[in-house]
C-alpha cells in the first residue's frame, strides 16, 4: 500500500446521497480477487448504457474528471453490504480520498484497510465542496484537515491506528509482521 500523507487534487462531485456498495461496484463484478482493472467497473450501472457505451452526462465520463484523486459524495456514502471491492474500484480508478458528511462504517473500515481515506466533514464545508465541482483542494492526513476552495479548513476525525497505517503504507497484517521481533521477545520472556 502506498503511504498517504496528503493529496492535492481537483475534485469529482457525486451529489447523490445513500450511494450503496452495489452502486459503487455492482455484484456482477465481484467474481475476482484482483484489484487491478476494477476501476473501469466503478459506478458501472450509472456510467454506461446497457450496450456498454459511456453515458456522456455521468460525472466520471466527463473530461474534467480525468486525473482527479478526491471524490466528494453526498450523505451516507458506502452504505449497504460489506464489499471490499468498492474501495478497490475507487483506488483503481485513481481516487485516494472520499469526502462526505457521513460514510458507512463497514465501507469506512474497508477503505482504510486498502489505502483509501474516508473523510467525514461538517455540513457547511461539505456544502462548499458540493457547490465547487472540479475545485482544487488538499486533504492533509498529517494535520487531519481538508483545505477548502475558499482557503478555509475543515478538520476530520480518524482513528489513530488507521492513520498510522495509512501514513506508513501498511495494512494491519503488515504492521503485525513488522513487530515480529518484539512479539518473539515477549513470547520468550513469558
N, C-alpha and C. Protein backbone atom coordinates (compact mmCIF):
# COMPACT_ATOMS: atom_id res chain seq x y z
N UNK A 1 0.84 -1.17 0.00
CA UNK A 1 0.00 0.00 0.00
C UNK A 1 0.89 1.24 0.00
N UNK A 2 0.52 2.20 -0.80
CA UNK A 2 1.30 3.44 -0.91
C UNK A 2 1.06 4.33 0.31
N UNK A 3 2.13 4.85 0.93
CA UNK A 3 1.92 5.76 2.07
C UNK A 3 1.09 6.98 1.68
N UNK A 4 0.30 7.44 2.62
CA UNK A 4 -0.59 8.58 2.39
C UNK A 4 -0.29 9.64 3.44
N UNK A 5 0.17 10.79 3.02
CA UNK A 5 0.38 11.93 3.92
C UNK A 5 -0.63 13.02 3.61
N UNK A 6 -0.69 13.40 2.34
CA UNK A 6 -1.68 14.37 1.88
C UNK A 6 -1.87 14.18 0.38
N UNK A 7 -2.98 14.70 -0.10
CA UNK A 7 -3.24 14.67 -1.53
C UNK A 7 -3.85 16.02 -1.91
N UNK A 8 -3.33 16.58 -2.99
CA UNK A 8 -3.88 17.81 -3.56
C UNK A 8 -4.38 17.43 -4.94
N UNK A 9 -5.64 17.75 -5.18
CA UNK A 9 -6.26 17.34 -6.44
C UNK A 9 -7.51 18.17 -6.69
N UNK A 10 -7.92 18.16 -7.95
CA UNK A 10 -9.26 18.64 -8.27
C UNK A 10 -10.25 17.59 -7.77
N UNK A 11 -11.48 18.01 -7.55
CA UNK A 11 -12.49 17.09 -7.04
C UNK A 11 -13.45 16.64 -8.13
N UNK A 12 -13.97 15.45 -7.95
CA UNK A 12 -15.12 14.97 -8.69
C UNK A 12 -16.26 15.00 -7.70
N UNK A 13 -17.38 15.62 -8.06
CA UNK A 13 -18.52 15.72 -7.16
C UNK A 13 -19.65 14.81 -7.64
N UNK A 14 -20.04 13.91 -6.76
CA UNK A 14 -21.16 13.00 -6.99
C UNK A 14 -22.20 13.34 -5.92
N UNK A 15 -23.19 14.12 -6.29
CA UNK A 15 -24.12 14.69 -5.30
C UNK A 15 -25.10 13.68 -4.71
N UNK A 16 -25.25 12.53 -5.30
CA UNK A 16 -26.23 11.55 -4.83
C UNK A 16 -25.96 11.14 -3.39
N UNK A 17 -27.03 11.01 -2.62
CA UNK A 17 -26.94 10.52 -1.24
C UNK A 17 -27.30 9.04 -1.21
N UNK A 18 -26.91 8.38 -0.13
CA UNK A 18 -27.22 6.96 0.09
C UNK A 18 -26.69 6.08 -1.04
N UNK A 19 -25.49 6.37 -1.49
CA UNK A 19 -24.85 5.56 -2.53
C UNK A 19 -24.35 4.28 -1.87
N UNK A 20 -24.94 3.16 -2.26
CA UNK A 20 -24.54 1.90 -1.61
C UNK A 20 -23.45 1.20 -2.41
N UNK A 21 -22.89 0.17 -1.79
CA UNK A 21 -21.74 -0.51 -2.40
C UNK A 21 -22.11 -1.21 -3.70
N UNK A 22 -23.38 -1.57 -3.88
CA UNK A 22 -23.78 -2.19 -5.15
C UNK A 22 -23.82 -1.16 -6.27
N UNK A 23 -24.00 0.11 -5.93
CA UNK A 23 -23.92 1.15 -6.95
C UNK A 23 -22.46 1.48 -7.24
N UNK A 24 -21.63 1.44 -6.20
CA UNK A 24 -20.20 1.72 -6.39
C UNK A 24 -19.58 0.65 -7.30
N UNK A 25 -19.84 -0.62 -7.00
CA UNK A 25 -19.34 -1.72 -7.83
C UNK A 25 -20.42 -2.82 -7.84
N UNK A 26 -21.18 -2.93 -8.93
CA UNK A 26 -22.26 -3.92 -8.99
C UNK A 26 -21.77 -5.35 -8.76
N UNK A 27 -22.65 -6.16 -8.21
CA UNK A 27 -22.31 -7.53 -7.79
C UNK A 27 -21.71 -8.37 -8.90
N UNK A 28 -22.10 -8.14 -10.15
CA UNK A 28 -21.59 -8.98 -11.24
C UNK A 28 -20.08 -8.83 -11.44
N UNK A 29 -19.48 -7.80 -10.83
CA UNK A 29 -18.03 -7.60 -10.95
C UNK A 29 -17.25 -8.15 -9.76
N UNK A 30 -17.92 -8.87 -8.87
CA UNK A 30 -17.27 -9.36 -7.65
C UNK A 30 -16.68 -10.75 -7.80
N UNK A 31 -16.55 -11.22 -9.00
CA UNK A 31 -16.06 -12.58 -9.24
C UNK A 31 -14.54 -12.67 -9.22
N UNK A 32 -13.89 -11.56 -8.95
CA UNK A 32 -12.42 -11.54 -8.97
C UNK A 32 -11.87 -11.17 -7.60
N UNK A 33 -10.67 -11.62 -7.34
CA UNK A 33 -9.96 -11.17 -6.15
C UNK A 33 -8.78 -10.27 -6.54
N UNK A 34 -8.78 -9.89 -7.82
CA UNK A 34 -7.76 -8.97 -8.34
C UNK A 34 -8.26 -7.54 -8.19
N UNK A 35 -7.43 -6.68 -7.68
CA UNK A 35 -7.79 -5.28 -7.51
C UNK A 35 -7.65 -4.50 -8.82
N UNK A 36 -6.69 -4.87 -9.62
CA UNK A 36 -6.43 -4.16 -10.87
C UNK A 36 -7.56 -4.39 -11.87
N UNK A 37 -7.95 -3.31 -12.51
CA UNK A 37 -8.98 -3.40 -13.52
C UNK A 37 -10.39 -3.10 -13.03
N UNK A 38 -10.60 -3.06 -11.71
CA UNK A 38 -11.93 -2.81 -11.18
C UNK A 38 -12.38 -1.36 -11.39
N UNK A 39 -11.44 -0.45 -11.60
CA UNK A 39 -11.78 0.96 -11.79
C UNK A 39 -12.69 1.19 -12.98
N UNK A 40 -12.55 0.38 -14.01
CA UNK A 40 -13.41 0.59 -15.19
C UNK A 40 -14.85 0.14 -14.92
N UNK A 41 -15.08 -0.62 -13.82
CA UNK A 41 -16.43 -1.04 -13.45
C UNK A 41 -17.03 -0.16 -12.36
N UNK A 42 -16.28 0.83 -11.90
CA UNK A 42 -16.76 1.75 -10.87
C UNK A 42 -18.02 2.46 -11.35
N UNK A 43 -19.08 2.39 -10.56
CA UNK A 43 -20.38 3.01 -10.89
C UNK A 43 -20.89 2.55 -12.27
N UNK A 44 -20.63 1.30 -12.60
CA UNK A 44 -20.92 0.80 -13.96
C UNK A 44 -22.36 1.04 -14.41
N UNK A 45 -23.33 0.84 -13.53
CA UNK A 45 -24.72 0.98 -13.96
C UNK A 45 -25.11 2.44 -14.20
N UNK A 46 -24.39 3.37 -13.62
CA UNK A 46 -24.64 4.80 -13.85
C UNK A 46 -23.77 5.33 -14.98
N UNK A 47 -22.63 4.70 -15.15
CA UNK A 47 -21.60 5.21 -16.05
C UNK A 47 -21.78 4.76 -17.49
N UNK A 48 -22.39 3.58 -17.67
CA UNK A 48 -22.50 3.00 -19.01
C UNK A 48 -23.95 2.68 -19.37
N UNK A 49 -24.25 2.79 -20.65
CA UNK A 49 -25.54 2.37 -21.18
C UNK A 49 -25.58 0.83 -21.22
N UNK A 50 -26.76 0.25 -21.40
CA UNK A 50 -26.84 -1.23 -21.49
C UNK A 50 -25.94 -1.83 -22.57
N UNK A 51 -25.66 -1.07 -23.64
CA UNK A 51 -24.79 -1.60 -24.71
C UNK A 51 -23.30 -1.41 -24.39
N UNK A 52 -22.98 -0.84 -23.19
CA UNK A 52 -21.59 -0.68 -22.78
C UNK A 52 -20.96 0.65 -23.14
N UNK A 53 -21.65 1.48 -23.89
CA UNK A 53 -21.08 2.78 -24.25
C UNK A 53 -21.23 3.75 -23.07
N UNK A 54 -20.28 4.65 -22.90
CA UNK A 54 -20.34 5.59 -21.78
C UNK A 54 -21.52 6.56 -21.89
N UNK A 55 -22.11 6.88 -20.74
CA UNK A 55 -23.14 7.91 -20.67
C UNK A 55 -22.40 9.24 -20.54
N UNK A 56 -22.48 10.11 -21.53
CA UNK A 56 -21.69 11.34 -21.51
C UNK A 56 -22.05 12.28 -20.37
N UNK A 57 -23.26 12.17 -19.83
CA UNK A 57 -23.67 13.07 -18.75
C UNK A 57 -23.21 12.61 -17.37
N UNK A 58 -22.68 11.39 -17.23
CA UNK A 58 -22.23 10.93 -15.91
C UNK A 58 -20.89 11.57 -15.58
N UNK A 59 -20.76 12.02 -14.35
CA UNK A 59 -19.62 12.84 -13.92
C UNK A 59 -18.26 12.19 -14.20
N UNK A 60 -18.12 10.89 -14.02
CA UNK A 60 -16.82 10.26 -14.25
C UNK A 60 -16.47 10.14 -15.73
N UNK A 61 -17.45 10.32 -16.60
CA UNK A 61 -17.19 10.25 -18.03
C UNK A 61 -16.85 11.60 -18.64
N UNK A 62 -16.85 12.63 -17.85
CA UNK A 62 -16.55 13.96 -18.35
C UNK A 62 -15.04 14.22 -18.31
N UNK A 63 -14.51 14.95 -19.27
CA UNK A 63 -13.07 15.18 -19.34
C UNK A 63 -12.49 15.78 -18.05
N UNK A 64 -13.27 16.60 -17.35
CA UNK A 64 -12.79 17.25 -16.12
C UNK A 64 -12.50 16.24 -15.01
N UNK A 65 -13.08 15.06 -15.08
CA UNK A 65 -12.88 14.05 -14.04
C UNK A 65 -11.54 13.33 -14.17
N UNK A 66 -10.96 13.40 -15.34
CA UNK A 66 -9.70 12.69 -15.58
C UNK A 66 -8.59 13.20 -14.65
N UNK A 67 -7.96 12.27 -13.95
CA UNK A 67 -6.85 12.61 -13.08
C UNK A 67 -7.24 13.09 -11.69
N UNK A 68 -8.51 13.18 -11.40
CA UNK A 68 -8.95 13.61 -10.06
C UNK A 68 -8.75 12.48 -9.06
N UNK A 69 -8.26 12.84 -7.87
CA UNK A 69 -7.98 11.85 -6.83
C UNK A 69 -8.89 11.98 -5.61
N UNK A 70 -9.81 12.95 -5.64
CA UNK A 70 -10.70 13.18 -4.50
C UNK A 70 -12.13 13.16 -4.99
N UNK A 71 -12.94 12.26 -4.40
CA UNK A 71 -14.36 12.17 -4.70
C UNK A 71 -15.13 12.83 -3.56
N UNK A 72 -15.96 13.81 -3.89
CA UNK A 72 -16.86 14.43 -2.92
C UNK A 72 -18.22 13.81 -3.19
N UNK A 73 -18.76 13.13 -2.18
CA UNK A 73 -20.01 12.39 -2.35
C UNK A 73 -21.10 12.96 -1.46
N UNK A 74 -22.35 12.66 -1.82
CA UNK A 74 -23.48 13.04 -0.99
C UNK A 74 -23.46 12.31 0.34
N UNK A 75 -24.47 12.59 1.17
CA UNK A 75 -24.55 11.99 2.50
C UNK A 75 -24.67 10.47 2.43
N UNK A 76 -24.16 9.81 3.46
CA UNK A 76 -24.30 8.36 3.66
C UNK A 76 -23.68 7.56 2.51
N UNK A 77 -22.45 7.85 2.21
CA UNK A 77 -21.73 7.17 1.13
C UNK A 77 -21.28 5.79 1.60
N UNK A 78 -21.39 4.79 0.73
CA UNK A 78 -20.88 3.46 1.01
C UNK A 78 -21.77 2.60 1.87
N UNK A 79 -23.04 2.94 1.95
CA UNK A 79 -23.96 2.14 2.76
C UNK A 79 -24.21 0.81 2.06
N UNK A 80 -24.93 -0.07 2.71
CA UNK A 80 -25.25 -1.36 2.10
C UNK A 80 -24.32 -2.46 2.59
N UNK A 81 -24.13 -3.45 1.78
CA UNK A 81 -23.39 -4.64 2.19
C UNK A 81 -21.88 -4.39 2.25
N UNK A 82 -21.22 -5.26 2.98
CA UNK A 82 -19.76 -5.19 3.04
C UNK A 82 -19.23 -5.67 1.70
N UNK A 83 -18.41 -4.86 1.11
CA UNK A 83 -17.91 -5.16 -0.23
C UNK A 83 -16.55 -4.52 -0.38
N UNK A 84 -15.50 -5.28 -0.12
CA UNK A 84 -14.15 -4.73 -0.21
C UNK A 84 -13.82 -4.29 -1.63
N UNK A 85 -14.52 -4.84 -2.59
CA UNK A 85 -14.31 -4.45 -3.98
C UNK A 85 -14.63 -2.97 -4.21
N UNK A 86 -15.50 -2.38 -3.38
CA UNK A 86 -15.87 -0.97 -3.56
C UNK A 86 -14.66 -0.05 -3.39
N UNK A 87 -13.92 -0.12 -2.27
CA UNK A 87 -12.72 0.71 -2.21
C UNK A 87 -11.65 0.29 -3.22
N UNK A 88 -11.58 -0.99 -3.55
CA UNK A 88 -10.63 -1.43 -4.57
C UNK A 88 -10.91 -0.71 -5.88
N UNK A 89 -12.19 -0.65 -6.27
CA UNK A 89 -12.56 0.00 -7.54
C UNK A 89 -12.25 1.49 -7.50
N UNK A 90 -12.54 2.15 -6.38
CA UNK A 90 -12.24 3.58 -6.25
C UNK A 90 -10.74 3.83 -6.35
N UNK A 91 -9.95 3.00 -5.67
CA UNK A 91 -8.49 3.16 -5.73
C UNK A 91 -7.96 2.89 -7.13
N UNK A 92 -8.47 1.84 -7.77
CA UNK A 92 -8.01 1.51 -9.11
C UNK A 92 -8.36 2.61 -10.11
N UNK A 93 -9.42 3.35 -9.83
CA UNK A 93 -9.82 4.47 -10.69
C UNK A 93 -9.01 5.74 -10.37
N UNK A 94 -8.12 5.66 -9.38
CA UNK A 94 -7.23 6.78 -9.08
C UNK A 94 -7.63 7.63 -7.88
N UNK A 95 -8.69 7.26 -7.19
CA UNK A 95 -9.10 8.05 -6.02
C UNK A 95 -8.26 7.68 -4.81
N UNK A 96 -7.90 8.70 -4.04
CA UNK A 96 -7.15 8.50 -2.79
C UNK A 96 -8.00 8.86 -1.57
N UNK A 97 -9.05 9.67 -1.77
CA UNK A 97 -9.90 10.09 -0.66
C UNK A 97 -11.34 10.24 -1.14
N UNK A 98 -12.27 9.96 -0.22
CA UNK A 98 -13.70 10.19 -0.43
C UNK A 98 -14.16 11.08 0.72
N UNK A 99 -14.86 12.16 0.38
CA UNK A 99 -15.33 13.13 1.37
C UNK A 99 -16.85 13.15 1.39
N UNK A 100 -17.43 13.11 2.59
CA UNK A 100 -18.87 13.20 2.75
C UNK A 100 -19.17 13.69 4.17
N UNK A 101 -20.46 13.86 4.47
CA UNK A 101 -20.85 14.19 5.85
C UNK A 101 -21.01 12.92 6.68
N UNK A 102 -21.33 11.83 6.02
CA UNK A 102 -21.42 10.52 6.68
C UNK A 102 -20.94 9.45 5.70
N UNK A 103 -20.18 8.51 6.24
CA UNK A 103 -19.69 7.38 5.46
C UNK A 103 -19.98 6.13 6.28
N UNK A 104 -20.59 5.15 5.63
CA UNK A 104 -20.97 3.92 6.33
C UNK A 104 -19.76 3.25 6.97
N UNK A 105 -19.95 2.73 8.18
CA UNK A 105 -18.85 2.16 8.96
C UNK A 105 -18.12 1.01 8.26
N UNK A 106 -18.86 0.08 7.68
CA UNK A 106 -18.21 -1.06 7.03
C UNK A 106 -17.38 -0.58 5.84
N UNK A 107 -17.95 0.31 5.03
CA UNK A 107 -17.20 0.86 3.90
C UNK A 107 -15.97 1.59 4.42
N UNK A 108 -16.13 2.39 5.47
CA UNK A 108 -15.02 3.16 6.03
C UNK A 108 -13.88 2.23 6.45
N UNK A 109 -14.20 1.15 7.13
CA UNK A 109 -13.16 0.21 7.57
C UNK A 109 -12.49 -0.47 6.38
N UNK A 110 -13.27 -0.88 5.38
CA UNK A 110 -12.67 -1.49 4.19
C UNK A 110 -11.79 -0.49 3.44
N UNK A 111 -12.22 0.76 3.38
CA UNK A 111 -11.43 1.79 2.69
C UNK A 111 -10.08 1.98 3.39
N UNK A 112 -10.12 2.14 4.70
CA UNK A 112 -8.88 2.37 5.46
C UNK A 112 -7.89 1.22 5.28
N UNK A 113 -8.38 0.01 5.20
CA UNK A 113 -7.51 -1.16 5.05
C UNK A 113 -6.93 -1.29 3.66
N UNK A 114 -7.42 -0.48 2.73
CA UNK A 114 -6.98 -0.59 1.33
C UNK A 114 -6.40 0.69 0.77
N UNK A 115 -6.05 1.64 1.65
CA UNK A 115 -5.34 2.83 1.20
C UNK A 115 -6.21 3.98 0.72
N UNK A 116 -7.53 3.89 0.94
CA UNK A 116 -8.46 4.95 0.56
C UNK A 116 -8.89 5.67 1.82
N UNK A 117 -8.70 6.98 1.86
CA UNK A 117 -9.02 7.75 3.06
C UNK A 117 -10.48 8.22 3.03
N UNK A 118 -11.32 7.72 3.96
CA UNK A 118 -12.69 8.21 4.08
C UNK A 118 -12.70 9.43 5.00
N UNK A 119 -13.17 10.56 4.50
CA UNK A 119 -13.12 11.82 5.24
C UNK A 119 -14.54 12.29 5.53
N UNK A 120 -14.85 12.47 6.81
CA UNK A 120 -16.16 12.98 7.22
C UNK A 120 -15.97 14.41 7.72
N UNK A 121 -16.67 15.35 7.06
CA UNK A 121 -16.55 16.76 7.42
C UNK A 121 -17.92 17.34 7.77
N UNK A 122 -17.91 18.55 8.30
CA UNK A 122 -19.14 19.22 8.71
C UNK A 122 -19.97 19.61 7.48
N UNK A 123 -21.27 19.85 7.72
CA UNK A 123 -22.21 20.13 6.63
C UNK A 123 -21.88 21.40 5.85
N UNK A 124 -21.42 22.45 6.52
CA UNK A 124 -21.12 23.70 5.81
C UNK A 124 -19.94 23.52 4.86
N UNK A 125 -18.89 22.85 5.33
CA UNK A 125 -17.72 22.60 4.47
C UNK A 125 -18.10 21.68 3.32
N UNK A 126 -18.93 20.70 3.61
CA UNK A 126 -19.40 19.77 2.58
C UNK A 126 -20.20 20.51 1.51
N UNK A 127 -21.06 21.43 1.95
CA UNK A 127 -21.87 22.22 1.01
C UNK A 127 -20.96 23.05 0.10
N UNK A 128 -19.87 23.60 0.66
CA UNK A 128 -18.93 24.37 -0.15
C UNK A 128 -18.30 23.48 -1.22
N UNK A 129 -17.94 22.25 -0.86
CA UNK A 129 -17.33 21.33 -1.83
C UNK A 129 -18.34 20.89 -2.89
N UNK A 130 -19.58 20.60 -2.47
CA UNK A 130 -20.60 20.20 -3.44
C UNK A 130 -20.86 21.31 -4.46
N UNK A 131 -20.74 22.56 -4.01
CA UNK A 131 -21.00 23.70 -4.89
C UNK A 131 -19.80 24.07 -5.75
N UNK A 132 -18.68 23.36 -5.57
CA UNK A 132 -17.44 23.70 -6.28
C UNK A 132 -16.85 22.51 -7.01
N UNK A 133 -17.60 21.84 -7.88
CA UNK A 133 -17.03 20.68 -8.57
C UNK A 133 -15.79 21.09 -9.36
N UNK A 134 -14.79 20.22 -9.30
CA UNK A 134 -13.55 20.49 -10.03
C UNK A 134 -12.59 21.41 -9.32
N UNK A 135 -12.96 21.92 -8.14
CA UNK A 135 -12.06 22.80 -7.39
C UNK A 135 -10.85 22.01 -6.90
N UNK A 136 -9.72 22.67 -6.87
CA UNK A 136 -8.53 22.02 -6.32
C UNK A 136 -8.52 22.22 -4.82
N UNK A 137 -8.40 21.09 -4.10
CA UNK A 137 -8.35 21.13 -2.64
C UNK A 137 -7.23 20.23 -2.17
N UNK A 138 -6.97 20.28 -0.88
CA UNK A 138 -5.97 19.39 -0.28
C UNK A 138 -6.60 18.64 0.88
N UNK A 139 -6.32 17.35 0.94
CA UNK A 139 -6.68 16.53 2.09
C UNK A 139 -5.37 16.18 2.77
N UNK A 140 -5.18 16.71 3.96
CA UNK A 140 -3.94 16.54 4.71
C UNK A 140 -4.17 15.59 5.87
N UNK A 141 -3.71 14.35 5.72
CA UNK A 141 -3.89 13.34 6.76
C UNK A 141 -3.05 13.64 7.99
N UNK A 142 -1.85 14.18 7.78
CA UNK A 142 -1.00 14.50 8.93
C UNK A 142 -1.68 15.51 9.85
N UNK A 143 -2.23 16.56 9.27
CA UNK A 143 -2.89 17.61 10.05
C UNK A 143 -4.37 17.31 10.32
N UNK A 144 -4.90 16.29 9.63
CA UNK A 144 -6.32 15.92 9.76
C UNK A 144 -7.24 17.06 9.34
N UNK A 145 -6.92 17.69 8.22
CA UNK A 145 -7.75 18.79 7.71
C UNK A 145 -7.94 18.69 6.20
N UNK A 146 -9.06 19.24 5.77
CA UNK A 146 -9.31 19.46 4.35
C UNK A 146 -9.19 20.96 4.12
N UNK A 147 -8.33 21.36 3.19
CA UNK A 147 -8.20 22.77 2.81
C UNK A 147 -9.20 23.01 1.69
N UNK A 148 -10.20 23.84 1.99
CA UNK A 148 -11.33 24.08 1.10
C UNK A 148 -10.99 25.06 -0.02
N UNK A 149 -11.82 25.13 -1.06
CA UNK A 149 -11.56 26.07 -2.16
C UNK A 149 -11.45 27.52 -1.68
N UNK A 150 -12.18 27.87 -0.64
CA UNK A 150 -12.14 29.24 -0.10
C UNK A 150 -10.88 29.52 0.70
N UNK A 151 -10.09 28.47 0.97
CA UNK A 151 -8.90 28.61 1.81
C UNK A 151 -9.16 28.24 3.25
N UNK A 152 -10.42 28.09 3.61
CA UNK A 152 -10.77 27.65 4.96
C UNK A 152 -10.36 26.20 5.17
N UNK A 153 -10.42 25.77 6.41
CA UNK A 153 -10.03 24.40 6.74
C UNK A 153 -11.14 23.72 7.51
N UNK A 154 -11.31 22.45 7.23
CA UNK A 154 -12.29 21.63 7.93
C UNK A 154 -11.56 20.42 8.49
N UNK A 155 -11.59 20.27 9.80
CA UNK A 155 -10.91 19.12 10.41
C UNK A 155 -11.78 17.88 10.28
N UNK A 156 -11.14 16.73 10.34
CA UNK A 156 -11.88 15.47 10.27
C UNK A 156 -11.28 14.47 11.25
N UNK A 157 -12.12 13.61 11.81
CA UNK A 157 -11.63 12.59 12.75
C UNK A 157 -11.09 11.37 12.00
N UNK A 158 -10.12 10.73 12.60
CA UNK A 158 -9.64 9.44 12.12
C UNK A 158 -9.00 8.71 13.29
N UNK A 159 -9.26 7.45 13.39
CA UNK A 159 -8.71 6.63 14.46
C UNK A 159 -7.18 6.59 14.31
N UNK A 160 -6.47 6.68 15.42
CA UNK A 160 -5.01 6.82 15.42
C UNK A 160 -4.29 5.67 14.72
N UNK A 161 -4.71 4.43 14.98
CA UNK A 161 -4.03 3.29 14.37
C UNK A 161 -4.24 3.28 12.85
N UNK A 162 -5.46 3.58 12.42
CA UNK A 162 -5.74 3.64 10.98
C UNK A 162 -4.90 4.73 10.33
N UNK A 163 -4.80 5.87 10.99
CA UNK A 163 -3.98 6.98 10.48
C UNK A 163 -2.52 6.55 10.36
N UNK A 164 -1.99 5.89 11.40
CA UNK A 164 -0.62 5.41 11.39
C UNK A 164 -0.40 4.47 10.19
N UNK A 165 -1.32 3.51 10.01
CA UNK A 165 -1.17 2.55 8.91
C UNK A 165 -1.18 3.24 7.55
N UNK A 166 -2.12 4.17 7.34
CA UNK A 166 -2.16 4.88 6.07
C UNK A 166 -0.89 5.70 5.83
N UNK A 167 -0.45 6.41 6.85
CA UNK A 167 0.73 7.27 6.69
C UNK A 167 1.99 6.47 6.42
N UNK A 168 2.01 5.22 6.89
CA UNK A 168 3.20 4.39 6.71
C UNK A 168 3.04 3.35 5.61
N UNK A 169 1.89 3.35 4.96
CA UNK A 169 1.68 2.44 3.84
C UNK A 169 1.65 0.97 4.22
N UNK A 170 1.10 0.67 5.39
CA UNK A 170 0.99 -0.72 5.83
C UNK A 170 -0.46 -1.03 6.19
N UNK A 171 -0.84 -2.27 5.98
CA UNK A 171 -2.15 -2.69 6.48
C UNK A 171 -1.94 -3.34 7.85
N UNK A 172 -3.01 -3.85 8.45
CA UNK A 172 -2.90 -4.41 9.79
C UNK A 172 -1.91 -5.57 9.85
N UNK A 173 -1.95 -6.44 8.84
CA UNK A 173 -1.03 -7.58 8.81
C UNK A 173 0.41 -7.10 8.66
N UNK A 174 0.64 -6.13 7.80
CA UNK A 174 1.98 -5.57 7.63
C UNK A 174 2.50 -4.97 8.91
N UNK A 175 1.63 -4.31 9.66
CA UNK A 175 2.02 -3.74 10.95
C UNK A 175 2.45 -4.86 11.91
N UNK A 176 1.64 -5.91 11.99
CA UNK A 176 1.97 -7.03 12.89
C UNK A 176 3.27 -7.70 12.47
N UNK A 177 3.45 -7.92 11.18
CA UNK A 177 4.68 -8.56 10.72
C UNK A 177 5.91 -7.72 11.05
N UNK A 178 5.76 -6.41 11.03
CA UNK A 178 6.88 -5.52 11.38
C UNK A 178 7.22 -5.61 12.87
N UNK A 179 6.31 -6.14 13.65
CA UNK A 179 6.53 -6.28 15.09
C UNK A 179 7.02 -7.68 15.47
N UNK A 180 7.39 -8.48 14.50
CA UNK A 180 7.74 -9.89 14.73
C UNK A 180 8.80 -10.07 15.81
N UNK A 181 9.86 -9.27 15.77
CA UNK A 181 10.92 -9.42 16.77
C UNK A 181 10.43 -9.08 18.17
N UNK A 182 9.67 -8.03 18.31
CA UNK A 182 9.13 -7.66 19.62
C UNK A 182 8.16 -8.70 20.13
N UNK A 183 7.37 -9.29 19.24
CA UNK A 183 6.44 -10.34 19.63
C UNK A 183 7.22 -11.57 20.09
N UNK A 184 8.25 -11.93 19.33
CA UNK A 184 9.07 -13.09 19.69
C UNK A 184 9.77 -12.87 21.03
N UNK A 185 10.28 -11.66 21.26
CA UNK A 185 10.94 -11.35 22.55
C UNK A 185 9.95 -11.46 23.70
N UNK A 186 8.74 -10.99 23.49
CA UNK A 186 7.70 -11.09 24.52
C UNK A 186 7.40 -12.55 24.82
N UNK A 187 7.26 -13.35 23.77
CA UNK A 187 6.95 -14.78 23.94
C UNK A 187 8.10 -15.49 24.67
N UNK A 188 9.33 -15.16 24.34
CA UNK A 188 10.46 -15.78 25.01
C UNK A 188 10.48 -15.43 26.50
N UNK A 189 10.10 -14.22 26.82
CA UNK A 189 10.11 -13.76 28.22
C UNK A 189 8.97 -14.37 29.04
N UNK A 190 7.99 -14.86 28.40
CA UNK A 190 6.84 -15.40 29.12
C UNK A 190 6.73 -16.88 28.88
